[in-house]
């Protein structure tokens, strides 16, 4: 794993809720989602233009079923996920919302083992569970909105 990329991702993930919360103090979360979508569209268009050959080859190789499933996955995980996240963020402490989202590895662990038959060792399982307990403690610390 590239340590620089991991640290950069950590910084982005750590600062994003705070910055989004700042914007959400002046505008509705739905407006922010629309702005995010517009900027993502522009950035994705640039990415497509600069990688047109490989993107076209991948898209042409996908079946209709794969495209539909991918579209549904994006709607559920990105669009609905962002709506819920921003709604929570607008009315709650940024560190609490960020902490809730960080419990996602529990779901990932369960799905990996039971649905995708991946092997997860005891250290990995304990790490996910201990992290989730720590998040629970954070949430208990401040149950008041804003």
C-alpha atoms as a PDB file:
ATOM      1  CA  UNK A   1       0.000   0.000   0.000  1.00  0.00           C
ATOM      2  CA  UNK A   2       1.321   3.429  -0.914  1.00  0.00           C
ATOM      3  CA  UNK A   3       1.760   5.279   2.399  1.00  0.00           C
ATOM      4  CA  UNK A   4       1.500   8.724   0.786  1.00  0.00           C
ATOM      5  CA  UNK A   5      -1.844   7.845  -0.812  1.00  0.00           C
ATOM      6  CA  UNK A   6      -3.121   6.432   2.492  1.00  0.00           C
ATOM      7  CA  UNK A   7      -2.109   9.597   4.372  1.00  0.00           C
ATOM      8  CA  UNK A   8      -3.680  11.814   1.733  1.00  0.00           C
ATOM      9  CA  UNK A   9      -6.910   9.824   1.908  1.00  0.00           C
ATOM     10  CA  UNK A  10      -6.827  10.059   5.702  1.00  0.00           C
ATOM     11  CA  UNK A  11      -6.485  13.854   5.532  1.00  0.00           C
ATOM     12  CA  UNK A  12      -9.303  14.153   3.007  1.00  0.00           C
ATOM     13  CA  UNK A  13     -11.588  11.865   5.017  1.00  0.00           C
ATOM     14  CA  UNK A  14     -10.742  13.691   8.238  1.00  0.00           C
ATOM     15  CA  UNK A  15     -11.282  17.238   7.012  1.00  0.00           C
ATOM     16  CA  UNK A  16     -14.241  16.665   4.659  1.00  0.00           C
ATOM     17  CA  UNK A  17     -16.952  16.372   7.350  1.00  0.00           C
ATOM     18  CA  UNK A  18     -15.745  19.536   9.059  1.00  0.00           C
ATOM     19  CA  UNK A  19     -15.706  21.510   5.814  1.00  0.00           C
ATOM     20  CA  UNK A  20     -19.059  20.143   4.640  1.00  0.00           C
ATOM     21  CA  UNK A  21     -20.522  20.984   8.053  1.00  0.00           C
ATOM     22  CA  UNK A  22     -19.314  24.570   7.596  1.00  0.00           C
ATOM     23  CA  UNK A  23     -21.117  24.843   4.247  1.00  0.00           C
ATOM     24  CA  UNK A  24     -24.214  23.181   5.677  1.00  0.00           C
ATOM     25  CA  UNK A  25     -24.584  25.939   8.255  1.00  0.00           C
ATOM     26  CA  UNK A  26     -25.642  28.294   5.454  1.00  0.00           C
ATOM     27  CA  UNK A  27     -27.326  26.080   2.840  1.00  0.00           C
ATOM     28  CA  UNK A  28     -29.626  23.070   2.743  1.00  0.00           C
ATOM     29  CA  UNK A  29     -27.999  19.654   2.336  1.00  0.00           C
ATOM     30  CA  UNK A  30     -29.932  19.045  -0.907  1.00  0.00           C
ATOM     31  CA  UNK A  31     -28.372  22.152  -2.463  1.00  0.00           C
ATOM     32  CA  UNK A  32     -24.931  20.921  -1.461  1.00  0.00           C
ATOM     33  CA  UNK A  33     -25.622  17.516  -3.064  1.00  0.00           C
ATOM     34  CA  UNK A  34     -26.559  19.228  -6.349  1.00  0.00           C
ATOM     35  CA  UNK A  35     -23.375  21.327  -6.275  1.00  0.00           C
ATOM     36  CA  UNK A  36     -21.286  18.229  -5.496  1.00  0.00           C
ATOM     37  CA  UNK A  37     -22.930  16.371  -8.386  1.00  0.00           C
ATOM     38  CA  UNK A  38     -22.224  19.224 -10.807  1.00  0.00           C
ATOM     39  CA  UNK A  39     -18.559  19.412  -9.809  1.00  0.00           C
ATOM     40  CA  UNK A  40     -18.255  15.610  -9.990  1.00  0.00           C
ATOM     41  CA  UNK A  41     -19.781  15.692 -13.483  1.00  0.00           C
ATOM     42  CA  UNK A  42     -17.214  18.235 -14.632  1.00  0.00           C
ATOM     43  CA  UNK A  43     -14.346  16.281 -13.061  1.00  0.00           C
ATOM     44  CA  UNK A  44     -15.629  12.980 -14.500  1.00  0.00           C
ATOM     45  CA  UNK A  45     -15.903  14.578 -17.943  1.00  0.00           C
ATOM     46  CA  UNK A  46     -12.274  15.685 -17.719  1.00  0.00           C
ATOM     47  CA  UNK A  47     -11.274  12.187 -16.570  1.00  0.00           C
ATOM     48  CA  UNK A  48     -13.166  10.685 -19.499  1.00  0.00           C
ATOM     49  CA  UNK A  49     -11.554  13.049 -22.020  1.00  0.00           C
ATOM     50  CA  UNK A  50      -8.070  12.240 -20.740  1.00  0.00           C
ATOM     51  CA  UNK A  51      -8.718   8.461 -20.655  1.00  0.00           C
ATOM     52  CA  UNK A  52     -11.210   8.072 -23.483  1.00  0.00           C
ATOM     53  CA  UNK A  53      -9.706   4.971 -25.099  1.00  0.00           C
ATOM     54  CA  UNK A  54      -9.559   2.798 -21.991  1.00  0.00           C
ATOM     55  CA  UNK A  55     -12.964   3.993 -20.711  1.00  0.00           C
ATOM     56  CA  UNK A  56     -14.636   3.290 -24.057  1.00  0.00           C
ATOM     57  CA  UNK A  57     -13.037  -0.159 -24.221  1.00  0.00           C
ATOM     58  CA  UNK A  58     -14.277  -1.000 -20.714  1.00  0.00           C
ATOM     59  CA  UNK A  59     -17.803   0.273 -21.384  1.00  0.00           C
ATOM     60  CA  UNK A  60     -18.046  -1.620 -24.680  1.00  0.00           C
ATOM     61  CA  UNK A  61     -16.991  -4.791 -22.872  1.00  0.00           C
ATOM     62  CA  UNK A  62     -19.749  -4.510 -20.237  1.00  0.00           C
ATOM     63  CA  UNK A  63     -23.031  -6.328 -20.584  1.00  0.00           C
ATOM     64  CA  UNK A  64     -26.334  -4.506 -20.175  1.00  0.00           C
ATOM     65  CA  UNK A  65     -26.913  -6.387 -16.919  1.00  0.00           C
ATOM     66  CA  UNK A  66     -23.561  -5.210 -15.560  1.00  0.00           C
ATOM     67  CA  UNK A  67     -24.330  -1.603 -16.532  1.00  0.00           C
ATOM     68  CA  UNK A  68     -27.757  -1.722 -14.838  1.00  0.00           C
ATOM     69  CA  UNK A  69     -26.339  -3.292 -11.666  1.00  0.00           C
ATOM     70  CA  UNK A  70     -23.519  -0.751 -11.607  1.00  0.00           C
ATOM     71  CA  UNK A  71     -26.017   2.113 -12.011  1.00  0.00           C
ATOM     72  CA  UNK A  72     -28.143   0.753  -9.145  1.00  0.00           C
ATOM     73  CA  UNK A  73     -25.052   0.345  -6.973  1.00  0.00           C
ATOM     74  CA  UNK A  74     -24.044   3.952  -7.635  1.00  0.00           C
ATOM     75  CA  UNK A  75     -27.542   5.259  -6.893  1.00  0.00           C
ATOM     76  CA  UNK A  76     -27.713   3.372  -3.593  1.00  0.00           C
ATOM     77  CA  UNK A  77     -24.151   3.783  -2.355  1.00  0.00           C
ATOM     78  CA  UNK A  78     -23.289   7.222  -3.641  1.00  0.00           C
ATOM     79  CA  UNK A  79     -26.434   9.244  -4.199  1.00  0.00           C
ATOM     80  CA  UNK A  80     -28.633   7.918  -1.399  1.00  0.00           C
ATOM     81  CA  UNK A  81     -25.589   7.497   0.832  1.00  0.00           C
ATOM     82  CA  UNK A  82     -24.586  11.131   0.300  1.00  0.00           C
ATOM     83  CA  UNK A  83     -28.149  12.339   0.906  1.00  0.00           C
ATOM     84  CA  UNK A  84     -28.290  10.496   4.216  1.00  0.00           C
ATOM     85  CA  UNK A  85     -24.761  11.555   5.187  1.00  0.00           C
ATOM     86  CA  UNK A  86     -25.324  15.254   4.469  1.00  0.00           C
ATOM     87  CA  UNK A  87     -28.716  15.175   6.209  1.00  0.00           C
ATOM     88  CA  UNK A  88     -27.084  13.729   9.324  1.00  0.00           C
ATOM     89  CA  UNK A  89     -24.158  16.126   9.069  1.00  0.00           C
ATOM     90  CA  UNK A  90     -26.397  19.185   8.822  1.00  0.00           C
ATOM     91  CA  UNK A  91     -28.079  18.404  12.148  1.00  0.00           C
ATOM     92  CA  UNK A  92     -25.359  16.651  14.170  1.00  0.00           C
ATOM     93  CA  UNK A  93     -21.748  17.057  15.246  1.00  0.00           C
ATOM     94  CA  UNK A  94     -19.328  16.337  12.400  1.00  0.00           C
ATOM     95  CA  UNK A  95     -17.154  14.017  14.491  1.00  0.00           C
ATOM     96  CA  UNK A  96     -20.215  11.987  15.550  1.00  0.00           C
ATOM     97  CA  UNK A  97     -21.446  11.542  11.965  1.00  0.00           C
ATOM     98  CA  UNK A  98     -17.955  10.678  10.793  1.00  0.00           C
ATOM     99  CA  UNK A  99     -17.704   8.142  13.609  1.00  0.00           C
ATOM    100  CA  UNK A 100     -20.976   6.485  12.653  1.00  0.00           C
ATOM    101  CA  UNK A 101     -19.793   6.075   9.083  1.00  0.00           C
ATOM    102  CA  UNK A 102     -16.551   4.530  10.332  1.00  0.00           C
ATOM    103  CA  UNK A 103     -18.512   1.531  11.651  1.00  0.00           C
ATOM    104  CA  UNK A 104     -18.994   0.430   8.024  1.00  0.00           C
ATOM    105  CA  UNK A 105     -16.156  -2.141   8.279  1.00  0.00           C
ATOM    106  CA  UNK A 106     -18.412  -4.245  10.522  1.00  0.00           C
ATOM    107  CA  UNK A 107     -20.872  -4.598   7.640  1.00  0.00           C
ATOM    108  CA  UNK A 108     -17.980  -5.185   5.241  1.00  0.00           C
ATOM    109  CA  UNK A 109     -16.549  -7.886   7.527  1.00  0.00           C
ATOM    110  CA  UNK A 110     -19.884  -9.704   7.833  1.00  0.00           C
ATOM    111  CA  UNK A 111     -20.585  -9.500   4.090  1.00  0.00           C
ATOM    112  CA  UNK A 112     -17.032 -10.583   3.229  1.00  0.00           C
ATOM    113  CA  UNK A 113     -17.273 -13.687   5.381  1.00  0.00           C
ATOM    114  CA  UNK A 114     -20.851 -14.791   4.831  1.00  0.00           C
ATOM    115  CA  UNK A 115     -21.636 -13.597   1.310  1.00  0.00           C
ATOM    116  CA  UNK A 116     -18.249 -13.647  -0.431  1.00  0.00           C
ATOM    117  CA  UNK A 117     -16.631 -16.452   1.603  1.00  0.00           C
ATOM    118  CA  UNK A 118     -13.468 -14.468   2.310  1.00  0.00           C
ATOM    119  CA  UNK A 119     -11.203 -15.598   5.105  1.00  0.00           C
ATOM    120  CA  UNK A 120     -10.831 -13.120   7.955  1.00  0.00           C
ATOM    121  CA  UNK A 121      -8.487 -13.903  10.815  1.00  0.00           C
ATOM    122  CA  UNK A 122      -9.000 -13.270  14.517  1.00  0.00           C
ATOM    123  CA  UNK A 123      -6.777 -10.132  14.559  1.00  0.00           C
ATOM    124  CA  UNK A 124      -8.794  -8.574  11.730  1.00  0.00           C
ATOM    125  CA  UNK A 125     -12.105  -9.436  13.381  1.00  0.00           C
ATOM    126  CA  UNK A 126     -10.961  -8.120  16.766  1.00  0.00           C
ATOM    127  CA  UNK A 127      -9.637  -4.933  15.174  1.00  0.00           C
ATOM    128  CA  UNK A 128     -12.963  -4.205  13.500  1.00  0.00           C
ATOM    129  CA  UNK A 129     -14.910  -4.954  16.693  1.00  0.00           C
ATOM    130  CA  UNK A 130     -12.603  -2.866  18.917  1.00  0.00           C
ATOM    131  CA  UNK A 131     -12.767   0.032  16.488  1.00  0.00           C
ATOM    132  CA  UNK A 132     -16.556  -0.171  16.550  1.00  0.00           C
ATOM    133  CA  UNK A 133     -16.575  -0.161  20.346  1.00  0.00           C
ATOM    134  CA  UNK A 134     -14.412   2.960  20.276  1.00  0.00           C
ATOM    135  CA  UNK A 135     -16.863   4.609  17.909  1.00  0.00           C
ATOM    136  CA  UNK A 136     -19.686   3.665  20.269  1.00  0.00           C
ATOM    137  CA  UNK A 137     -17.847   5.434  23.077  1.00  0.00           C
ATOM    138  CA  UNK A 138     -17.469   8.554  20.932  1.00  0.00           C
ATOM    139  CA  UNK A 139     -21.178   8.558  20.162  1.00  0.00           C
ATOM    140  CA  UNK A 140     -22.127   8.105  23.806  1.00  0.00           C
ATOM    141  CA  UNK A 141     -19.928  11.075  24.678  1.00  0.00           C
ATOM    142  CA  UNK A 142     -22.138  13.510  22.791  1.00  0.00           C
ATOM    143  CA  UNK A 143     -25.698  12.489  21.997  1.00  0.00           C
ATOM    144  CA  UNK A 144     -26.836  16.119  21.550  1.00  0.00           C
ATOM    145  CA  UNK A 145     -27.296  17.515  18.012  1.00  0.00           C
ATOM    146  CA  UNK A 146     -25.023  20.281  16.712  1.00  0.00           C
END
